[in-house]
N, C-alpha and C. Protein backbone atom coordinates (compact mmCIF):
# COMPACT_ATOMS: atom_id res chain seq x y z
N MET A 1 31.20 -17.80 18.49
CA MET A 1 32.04 -16.96 17.67
C MET A 1 31.40 -15.58 17.57
N ASN A 2 32.23 -14.55 17.62
CA ASN A 2 31.75 -13.18 17.53
C ASN A 2 32.03 -12.58 16.15
N CYS A 3 31.20 -11.63 15.78
CA CYS A 3 31.34 -10.91 14.51
C CYS A 3 32.65 -10.12 14.51
N VAL A 4 33.38 -10.17 13.40
CA VAL A 4 34.65 -9.45 13.32
C VAL A 4 34.45 -7.95 13.15
N ARG A 5 33.25 -7.51 12.80
CA ARG A 5 32.99 -6.08 12.63
C ARG A 5 32.43 -5.41 13.88
N CYS A 6 31.36 -6.00 14.44
CA CYS A 6 30.69 -5.35 15.57
C CYS A 6 30.99 -6.01 16.91
N GLY A 7 31.48 -7.24 16.90
CA GLY A 7 31.82 -7.93 18.14
C GLY A 7 30.69 -8.70 18.79
N TYR A 8 29.47 -8.57 18.27
CA TYR A 8 28.34 -9.31 18.84
C TYR A 8 28.41 -10.78 18.41
N PRO A 9 27.82 -11.67 19.20
CA PRO A 9 27.83 -13.09 18.83
C PRO A 9 27.09 -13.35 17.52
N ILE A 10 27.63 -14.24 16.69
CA ILE A 10 26.97 -14.66 15.46
C ILE A 10 25.98 -15.75 15.84
N PRO A 11 24.71 -15.62 15.43
CA PRO A 11 23.70 -16.62 15.78
C PRO A 11 24.08 -18.03 15.32
N GLN A 12 23.74 -19.03 16.11
CA GLN A 12 24.06 -20.42 15.79
C GLN A 12 23.43 -20.86 14.47
N ALA A 13 22.25 -20.36 14.16
CA ALA A 13 21.59 -20.73 12.90
C ALA A 13 22.41 -20.26 11.70
N ARG A 14 22.99 -19.07 11.80
CA ARG A 14 23.85 -18.56 10.71
C ARG A 14 25.10 -19.41 10.58
N LEU A 15 25.69 -19.77 11.71
CA LEU A 15 26.90 -20.60 11.67
C LEU A 15 26.59 -22.01 11.15
N ALA A 16 25.40 -22.50 11.43
CA ALA A 16 25.02 -23.82 10.90
C ALA A 16 24.87 -23.77 9.38
N ALA A 17 24.31 -22.66 8.87
CA ALA A 17 24.12 -22.51 7.43
C ALA A 17 25.42 -22.14 6.72
N LEU A 18 26.21 -21.28 7.36
CA LEU A 18 27.48 -20.80 6.80
C LEU A 18 28.58 -20.99 7.83
N PRO A 19 29.17 -22.17 7.92
CA PRO A 19 30.15 -22.45 8.98
C PRO A 19 31.36 -21.52 8.98
N ASN A 20 31.70 -20.94 7.84
CA ASN A 20 32.86 -20.04 7.77
C ASN A 20 32.50 -18.58 7.93
N ALA A 21 31.25 -18.28 8.31
CA ALA A 21 30.81 -16.89 8.45
C ALA A 21 31.63 -16.19 9.53
N ARG A 22 32.08 -14.98 9.20
CA ARG A 22 32.86 -14.21 10.16
C ARG A 22 32.12 -12.95 10.61
N THR A 23 30.97 -12.68 9.98
CA THR A 23 30.18 -11.51 10.35
C THR A 23 28.75 -11.92 10.68
N CYS A 24 28.09 -11.09 11.47
CA CYS A 24 26.68 -11.33 11.79
C CYS A 24 25.83 -10.91 10.58
N ILE A 25 24.55 -11.15 10.66
CA ILE A 25 23.66 -10.83 9.55
C ILE A 25 23.64 -9.33 9.28
N ASN A 26 23.60 -8.52 10.32
CA ASN A 26 23.55 -7.07 10.14
C ASN A 26 24.81 -6.51 9.49
N CYS A 27 25.95 -7.11 9.73
CA CYS A 27 27.22 -6.62 9.18
C CYS A 27 27.59 -7.27 7.86
N SER A 28 26.80 -8.21 7.42
CA SER A 28 27.11 -8.92 6.18
C SER A 28 27.14 -7.96 5.00
N GLN A 29 28.07 -8.17 4.08
CA GLN A 29 28.19 -7.34 2.88
C GLN A 29 27.26 -7.77 1.77
N THR A 30 26.67 -8.95 1.90
CA THR A 30 25.83 -9.50 0.85
C THR A 30 24.54 -8.71 0.74
N GLN A 31 24.20 -8.30 -0.46
CA GLN A 31 22.95 -7.60 -0.70
C GLN A 31 21.87 -8.59 -1.10
N ARG A 32 20.67 -8.32 -0.68
CA ARG A 32 19.56 -9.17 -1.07
C ARG A 32 19.17 -8.85 -2.50
N VAL A 33 18.81 -9.89 -3.23
CA VAL A 33 18.41 -9.71 -4.62
C VAL A 33 17.07 -10.40 -4.84
N ALA A 34 16.47 -10.10 -5.97
CA ALA A 34 15.21 -10.73 -6.34
C ALA A 34 15.34 -11.22 -7.77
N GLY A 35 14.55 -12.19 -8.14
CA GLY A 35 14.56 -12.71 -9.50
C GLY A 35 13.22 -12.50 -10.16
N PHE A 36 13.25 -12.10 -11.41
CA PHE A 36 12.04 -11.92 -12.19
C PHE A 36 12.13 -12.76 -13.44
N PRO A 37 11.08 -13.53 -13.76
CA PRO A 37 11.10 -14.30 -15.00
C PRO A 37 10.98 -13.37 -16.20
N LEU A 38 11.76 -13.64 -17.23
CA LEU A 38 11.68 -12.87 -18.47
C LEU A 38 10.95 -13.71 -19.51
N ILE A 39 10.07 -13.08 -20.24
CA ILE A 39 9.35 -13.77 -21.29
C ILE A 39 10.25 -13.77 -22.52
N THR A 40 10.70 -14.95 -22.92
CA THR A 40 11.59 -15.04 -24.06
C THR A 40 10.88 -15.57 -25.30
N GLY A 41 9.68 -16.06 -25.12
CA GLY A 41 8.84 -16.49 -26.24
C GLY A 41 7.48 -15.86 -26.07
N LYS A 42 6.51 -16.33 -26.82
CA LYS A 42 5.17 -15.74 -26.69
C LYS A 42 4.52 -16.07 -25.36
N THR A 43 4.70 -17.29 -24.87
CA THR A 43 4.02 -17.68 -23.63
C THR A 43 4.95 -18.35 -22.63
N GLU A 44 6.24 -18.37 -22.89
CA GLU A 44 7.16 -19.10 -22.03
C GLU A 44 8.03 -18.16 -21.19
N TYR A 45 8.31 -18.58 -19.99
CA TYR A 45 9.29 -17.92 -19.16
C TYR A 45 10.51 -18.84 -19.14
N SER A 46 11.58 -18.44 -19.80
CA SER A 46 12.72 -19.35 -19.85
C SER A 46 14.01 -18.69 -19.37
N ALA A 47 13.93 -17.49 -18.88
CA ALA A 47 15.12 -16.82 -18.35
C ALA A 47 14.74 -16.13 -17.04
N LEU A 48 15.72 -15.97 -16.19
CA LEU A 48 15.50 -15.31 -14.90
C LEU A 48 16.47 -14.15 -14.78
N GLN A 49 15.96 -12.96 -14.54
CA GLN A 49 16.79 -11.77 -14.36
C GLN A 49 16.96 -11.50 -12.87
N ILE A 50 18.19 -11.38 -12.40
CA ILE A 50 18.48 -11.08 -11.01
C ILE A 50 18.63 -9.57 -10.87
N VAL A 51 17.87 -8.99 -9.95
CA VAL A 51 17.89 -7.54 -9.76
C VAL A 51 18.00 -7.22 -8.27
N SER A 52 18.35 -5.99 -7.96
CA SER A 52 18.44 -5.55 -6.57
C SER A 52 17.04 -5.40 -5.98
N GLN A 53 16.97 -5.28 -4.67
CA GLN A 53 15.67 -5.11 -4.02
C GLN A 53 14.99 -3.83 -4.47
N GLU A 54 15.76 -2.77 -4.67
CA GLU A 54 15.19 -1.50 -5.13
C GLU A 54 14.58 -1.65 -6.52
N ASP A 55 15.32 -2.30 -7.43
CA ASP A 55 14.78 -2.53 -8.77
C ASP A 55 13.59 -3.47 -8.73
N ALA A 56 13.59 -4.45 -7.83
CA ALA A 56 12.46 -5.37 -7.71
C ALA A 56 11.20 -4.61 -7.32
N ARG A 57 11.30 -3.69 -6.39
CA ARG A 57 10.13 -2.89 -6.00
C ARG A 57 9.64 -2.05 -7.18
N ARG A 58 10.58 -1.46 -7.93
CA ARG A 58 10.22 -0.65 -9.10
C ARG A 58 9.52 -1.52 -10.15
N LEU A 59 10.03 -2.71 -10.39
CA LEU A 59 9.41 -3.62 -11.35
C LEU A 59 8.01 -4.03 -10.92
N GLN A 60 7.83 -4.29 -9.64
CA GLN A 60 6.51 -4.67 -9.15
C GLN A 60 5.51 -3.54 -9.34
N ARG A 61 5.95 -2.29 -9.08
CA ARG A 61 5.06 -1.14 -9.29
C ARG A 61 4.72 -1.00 -10.77
N MET A 62 5.71 -1.17 -11.64
CA MET A 62 5.47 -1.07 -13.08
C MET A 62 4.50 -2.14 -13.55
N GLN A 63 4.70 -3.36 -13.07
CA GLN A 63 3.85 -4.47 -13.49
C GLN A 63 2.42 -4.25 -13.03
N ALA A 64 2.24 -3.74 -11.82
CA ALA A 64 0.90 -3.50 -11.30
C ALA A 64 0.21 -2.38 -12.08
N ARG A 65 0.98 -1.39 -12.48
CA ARG A 65 0.41 -0.24 -13.17
C ARG A 65 0.13 -0.51 -14.65
N ARG A 66 1.08 -1.16 -15.32
CA ARG A 66 0.95 -1.34 -16.76
C ARG A 66 0.76 -2.79 -17.20
N GLY A 67 1.11 -3.71 -16.33
CA GLY A 67 1.03 -5.10 -16.71
C GLY A 67 2.17 -5.54 -17.62
N THR A 68 3.27 -4.76 -17.63
CA THR A 68 4.37 -5.08 -18.54
C THR A 68 5.39 -5.99 -17.90
N GLY A 69 5.67 -5.82 -16.65
CA GLY A 69 6.62 -6.70 -15.97
C GLY A 69 8.06 -6.37 -16.26
N ALA A 70 8.92 -7.33 -15.97
CA ALA A 70 10.35 -7.11 -16.03
C ALA A 70 10.88 -7.01 -17.45
N SER A 71 10.26 -7.69 -18.40
CA SER A 71 10.83 -7.74 -19.74
C SER A 71 10.93 -6.35 -20.37
N ALA A 72 9.94 -5.50 -20.18
CA ALA A 72 10.00 -4.15 -20.74
C ALA A 72 11.08 -3.33 -20.05
N TYR A 73 11.21 -3.48 -18.75
CA TYR A 73 12.21 -2.73 -18.00
C TYR A 73 13.61 -3.14 -18.42
N ILE A 74 13.86 -4.44 -18.49
CA ILE A 74 15.19 -4.94 -18.82
C ILE A 74 15.56 -4.53 -20.24
N THR A 75 14.63 -4.61 -21.17
CA THR A 75 14.90 -4.20 -22.54
C THR A 75 15.28 -2.73 -22.58
N LYS A 76 14.56 -1.91 -21.83
CA LYS A 76 14.85 -0.47 -21.77
C LYS A 76 16.24 -0.23 -21.17
N GLU A 77 16.58 -0.94 -20.12
CA GLU A 77 17.87 -0.78 -19.46
C GLU A 77 19.02 -1.18 -20.39
N LYS A 78 18.84 -2.21 -21.20
CA LYS A 78 19.89 -2.66 -22.11
C LYS A 78 20.18 -1.64 -23.20
N ARG A 79 19.16 -0.87 -23.59
CA ARG A 79 19.35 0.14 -24.63
C ARG A 79 20.16 1.32 -24.13
N ASN A 80 20.10 1.60 -22.82
CA ASN A 80 20.80 2.78 -22.28
C ASN A 80 22.27 2.55 -22.11
C-alpha cells in the first residue's frame, strides 16, 4: 500500500501496527508527545501531564537548572 500524500510505500511494520494507516510515518499528522509526572502530594506522583516535544525539552532544561520539574511549569501555565 502506498501513502495517500507522497505516494511512497508504507512500511510493513507500520501497517502491522496500524492496519488502517493511509499515510507513511513522514506524512503522518500525529505529533509526538511526552509525559511528565506531576507531584500532587508531598512525595507522590499521581498525575501525568501530556506535553508537546518542544514543551518537554523546555521542562527538562528547567528541571536540570532549578530542580523544579513540570509541576512549577504547569502551575504557571494554568495561571496565564
